[in-house]
Amino acid sequence: MTEKRNQSPNGSFLMRRFPERIEFVCDRCLQPKVAKIQVEWDDGRTLQPKVICNGCYGRLMSAPD
C-alpha cells in the first residue's frame, strides 16, 4: 500500500493505493465504490476523517474553498 498526503483550502487528505480493489461507500457522494484508491478527508469540522472516492477528492482539490 502506498500513501500520499495533500492539503487544500478544503482540508487535508491522505490518499491510499491498495494492491487489490476494495469496496466502500464514499462519505461525500454516498455512492458504493470498488477501487484501489481510497482517500481519507479531514475537513476540520468532524471528529473522524471521512472516507471519500478518488472522484470526490479531485473535485475538492480543484474547487475553491
Protein backbone atom coordinates (compact mmCIF):
# COMPACT_ATOMS: atom_id res chain seq x y z
CA MET A 1 0.00 0.00 0.00
CA THR A 2 1.28 3.47 -0.86
CA GLU A 3 0.21 6.70 0.84
CA LYS A 4 0.32 10.34 -0.19
CA ARG A 5 -0.67 13.37 1.91
CA ASN A 6 -2.01 16.60 0.42
CA GLN A 7 -3.51 19.90 1.65
CA SER A 8 -6.00 22.31 0.12
CA PRO A 9 -8.29 25.05 1.45
CA ASN A 10 -10.97 22.33 1.72
CA GLY A 11 -8.97 20.25 4.23
CA SER A 12 -6.21 17.67 4.47
CA PHE A 13 -6.18 14.43 2.52
CA LEU A 14 -4.48 11.05 2.85
CA MET A 15 -4.65 9.08 -0.40
CA ARG A 16 -4.09 5.33 -0.13
CA ARG A 17 -3.49 2.99 -3.04
CA PHE A 18 -4.14 -0.67 -2.19
CA PRO A 19 -2.74 -3.61 -4.16
CA GLU A 20 -6.25 -5.03 -4.65
CA ARG A 21 -9.62 -3.38 -5.21
CA ILE A 22 -11.70 -2.73 -2.09
CA GLU A 23 -15.39 -2.00 -1.62
CA PHE A 24 -16.56 1.06 0.33
CA VAL A 25 -19.22 3.77 0.35
CA CYS A 26 -18.00 7.30 -0.27
CA ASP A 27 -18.91 9.59 2.66
CA ARG A 28 -19.29 12.58 0.31
CA CYS A 29 -21.27 11.32 -2.73
CA LEU A 30 -22.77 8.35 -0.79
CA GLN A 31 -22.19 6.01 -3.76
CA PRO A 32 -20.86 2.45 -3.37
CA LYS A 33 -17.39 2.17 -4.87
CA VAL A 34 -14.95 -0.58 -5.83
CA ALA A 35 -11.47 0.86 -6.31
CA LYS A 36 -7.80 0.54 -5.46
CA ILE A 37 -7.67 4.19 -4.35
CA GLN A 38 -9.35 5.46 -1.19
CA VAL A 39 -8.92 8.91 0.35
CA GLU A 40 -9.32 9.98 3.97
CA TRP A 41 -10.53 13.59 4.13
CA ASP A 42 -10.24 15.70 7.29
CA ASP A 43 -12.30 18.83 6.71
CA GLY A 44 -11.66 20.14 10.25
CA ARG A 45 -15.37 20.03 11.13
CA THR A 46 -15.77 16.39 12.15
CA LEU A 47 -14.00 14.29 14.77
CA GLN A 48 -13.05 11.50 12.36
CA PRO A 49 -11.82 11.75 8.78
CA LYS A 50 -14.32 10.89 6.05
CA VAL A 51 -13.55 8.15 3.52
CA ILE A 52 -14.12 9.51 0.01
CA CYS A 53 -13.62 8.29 -3.54
CA ASN A 54 -10.97 9.49 -5.99
CA GLY A 55 -13.60 11.48 -7.95
CA CYS A 56 -14.72 13.46 -4.90
CA TYR A 57 -11.06 14.03 -4.00
CA GLY A 58 -10.45 15.54 -7.45
CA ARG A 59 -13.49 17.82 -7.15
CA LEU A 60 -12.40 19.02 -3.69
CA MET A 61 -8.83 19.68 -4.84
CA SER A 62 -9.96 21.72 -7.87
CA ALA A 63 -12.80 23.62 -6.17
CA PRO A 64 -12.20 26.88 -4.33
CA ASP A 65 -12.98 26.83 -0.62
